Amino acid sequence: MAAKRLGFGGLAALSAAWLMALPAWAHHANSAFDRAQSVTVTGTVKRWQFINPHSGLFLDVTDENGNVVEWSSEFQGTLDLYRNFSWNKDTFKPGDQVTVTGFASRDGAPTMGARIVIFADGTEVDLRSAPD
């Protein structure tokens, strides 16, 4: 019945709008990171993925027991990182030493939502300082 009232074009437009909104809702409905729990790790860059929708930095981090654990840090997308910090696909290279502070994963996994990066030379980048 609704199809008759809306007409086929109206129903198609409504369906398309609903389907386009679904990915945004699904992606941002619940954060995977606990904004009340901060974590800081220092490690060696394993790989840097300068990709969308979120760039990722993977570090080999030695824990308190001497075990190497791979930590991942999620960043903004490429356009934000390039525009605000001049970062690109070559910003991090395997073997670089980096410290990352961010919001801890809610499930306890070795992953975080990155907020601050400190490079080996002491340069500190606060990702929250990007202009609106």
Protein backbone atom coordinates (compact mmCIF):
# COMPACT_ATOMS: atom_id res chain seq x y z
CA MET A 1 0.00 0.00 0.00
CA ALA A 2 2.79 2.43 0.85
CA ALA A 3 4.18 1.95 -2.65
CA LYS A 4 0.93 3.25 -4.14
CA ARG A 5 0.90 6.35 -1.94
CA LEU A 6 4.57 7.17 -2.46
CA GLY A 7 4.72 6.05 -6.04
CA PHE A 8 7.57 3.98 -7.32
CA GLY A 9 9.95 6.96 -7.56
CA GLY A 10 9.23 8.04 -3.98
CA LEU A 11 9.66 4.53 -2.65
CA ALA A 12 12.93 4.12 -4.55
CA ALA A 13 14.25 7.43 -3.19
CA LEU A 14 13.23 6.53 0.37
CA SER A 15 14.89 3.10 0.06
CA ALA A 16 18.07 4.62 -1.36
CA ALA A 17 18.27 7.19 1.44
CA TRP A 18 17.80 4.51 4.07
CA LEU A 19 20.45 2.25 2.52
CA MET A 20 22.94 5.13 2.24
CA ALA A 21 22.46 6.03 5.90
CA LEU A 22 22.98 2.46 7.11
CA PRO A 23 26.81 2.33 6.75
CA ALA A 24 27.26 5.60 8.64
CA TRP A 25 25.00 4.43 11.42
CA ALA A 26 26.66 1.01 11.62
CA HIS A 27 30.17 2.45 11.61
CA HIS A 28 29.64 5.16 14.19
CA ALA A 29 26.81 3.83 16.34
CA ASN A 30 29.07 2.48 19.12
CA SER A 31 32.71 3.31 19.47
CA ALA A 32 35.11 0.38 19.77
CA PHE A 33 37.25 2.53 22.04
CA ASP A 34 36.73 3.50 25.69
CA ARG A 35 37.18 7.27 25.85
CA ALA A 36 37.65 7.04 29.63
CA GLN A 37 40.60 4.64 29.35
CA SER A 38 43.90 5.94 27.98
CA VAL A 39 46.78 3.69 26.94
CA THR A 40 50.34 4.51 25.83
CA VAL A 41 52.70 2.16 24.03
CA THR A 42 56.17 2.53 22.57
CA GLY A 43 57.29 0.20 19.86
CA THR A 44 58.78 -0.44 16.47
CA VAL A 45 56.73 0.27 13.37
CA LYS A 46 55.73 -2.94 11.65
CA ARG A 47 53.52 -1.31 9.00
CA TRP A 48 51.65 1.89 8.23
CA GLN A 49 48.41 1.78 6.28
CA PHE A 50 47.63 5.20 4.85
CA ILE A 51 44.11 4.25 3.75
CA ASN A 52 40.47 5.26 4.13
CA PRO A 53 38.22 5.29 6.01
CA HIS A 54 40.83 5.05 8.81
CA SER A 55 44.60 4.87 8.57
CA GLY A 56 46.34 2.34 10.78
CA LEU A 57 49.73 2.05 12.45
CA PHE A 58 50.93 -1.37 13.60
CA LEU A 59 53.70 -1.56 16.20
CA ASP A 60 55.69 -4.40 17.70
CA VAL A 61 55.65 -3.63 21.44
CA THR A 62 57.60 -5.55 24.07
CA ASP A 63 55.42 -6.14 27.14
CA GLU A 64 56.54 -6.37 30.78
CA ASN A 65 57.20 -10.13 30.36
CA GLY A 66 59.49 -9.63 27.35
CA ASN A 67 56.89 -10.84 24.85
CA VAL A 68 56.44 -8.94 21.59
CA VAL A 69 52.80 -7.95 21.05
CA GLU A 70 51.48 -6.34 17.89
CA TRP A 71 49.52 -3.19 18.74
CA SER A 72 47.35 -1.38 16.23
CA SER A 73 46.39 2.27 16.33
CA GLU A 74 43.48 3.66 14.36
CA PHE A 75 43.79 7.18 12.90
CA GLN A 76 41.62 9.53 10.86
CA GLY A 77 41.36 9.09 7.10
CA THR A 78 44.06 10.08 4.66
CA LEU A 79 42.66 13.49 3.72
CA ASP A 80 42.49 14.67 7.34
CA LEU A 81 46.01 13.40 8.12
CA TYR A 82 47.47 14.97 4.99
CA ARG A 83 45.59 18.26 5.24
CA ASN A 84 46.15 18.80 8.98
CA PHE A 85 49.58 17.24 9.58
CA SER A 86 51.12 16.75 6.11
CA TRP A 87 51.24 13.00 6.72
CA ASN A 88 51.37 10.61 3.79
CA LYS A 89 52.15 6.98 2.93
CA ASP A 90 55.79 7.54 3.95
CA THR A 91 55.22 9.15 7.36
CA PHE A 92 56.07 5.92 9.20
CA LYS A 93 58.52 3.33 7.96
CA PRO A 94 59.14 -0.20 9.25
CA GLY A 95 61.75 -0.03 11.99
CA ASP A 96 60.86 3.50 13.19
CA GLN A 97 60.48 3.89 16.96
CA VAL A 98 57.19 5.57 17.91
CA THR A 99 55.11 6.21 21.02
CA VAL A 100 51.34 6.36 20.62
CA THR A 101 48.75 7.38 23.20
CA GLY A 102 45.10 6.73 22.58
CA PHE A 103 41.79 5.38 23.77
CA ALA A 104 41.94 1.72 24.76
CA SER A 105 39.89 -0.93 23.01
CA ARG A 106 36.70 -1.81 24.89
CA ASP A 107 37.36 -5.53 24.41
CA GLY A 108 40.90 -5.47 25.83
CA ALA A 109 42.53 -6.18 22.47
CA PRO A 110 45.92 -4.53 21.80
CA THR A 111 44.41 -1.75 19.73
CA MET A 112 43.58 1.90 20.31
CA GLY A 113 42.07 5.00 18.80
CA ALA A 114 45.18 7.19 18.40
CA ARG A 115 45.29 10.67 19.94
CA ILE A 116 48.98 11.57 20.34
CA VAL A 117 52.06 10.37 18.46
CA ILE A 118 55.63 10.98 19.60
CA PHE A 119 58.30 10.35 16.97
CA ALA A 120 61.83 9.11 17.81
CA ASP A 121 63.21 12.67 17.49
CA GLY A 122 60.80 13.86 20.20
CA THR A 123 58.34 15.56 17.85
CA GLU A 124 54.87 15.26 19.36
CA VAL A 125 51.73 15.43 17.25
CA ASP A 126 48.41 15.88 19.03
CA LEU A 127 45.84 14.56 16.58
CA ARG A 128 43.12 16.36 18.51
CA SER A 129 44.68 19.72 17.58
CA ALA A 130 43.42 19.58 13.98
CA PRO A 131 41.36 22.63 13.05
CA ASP A 132 37.60 22.15 12.81
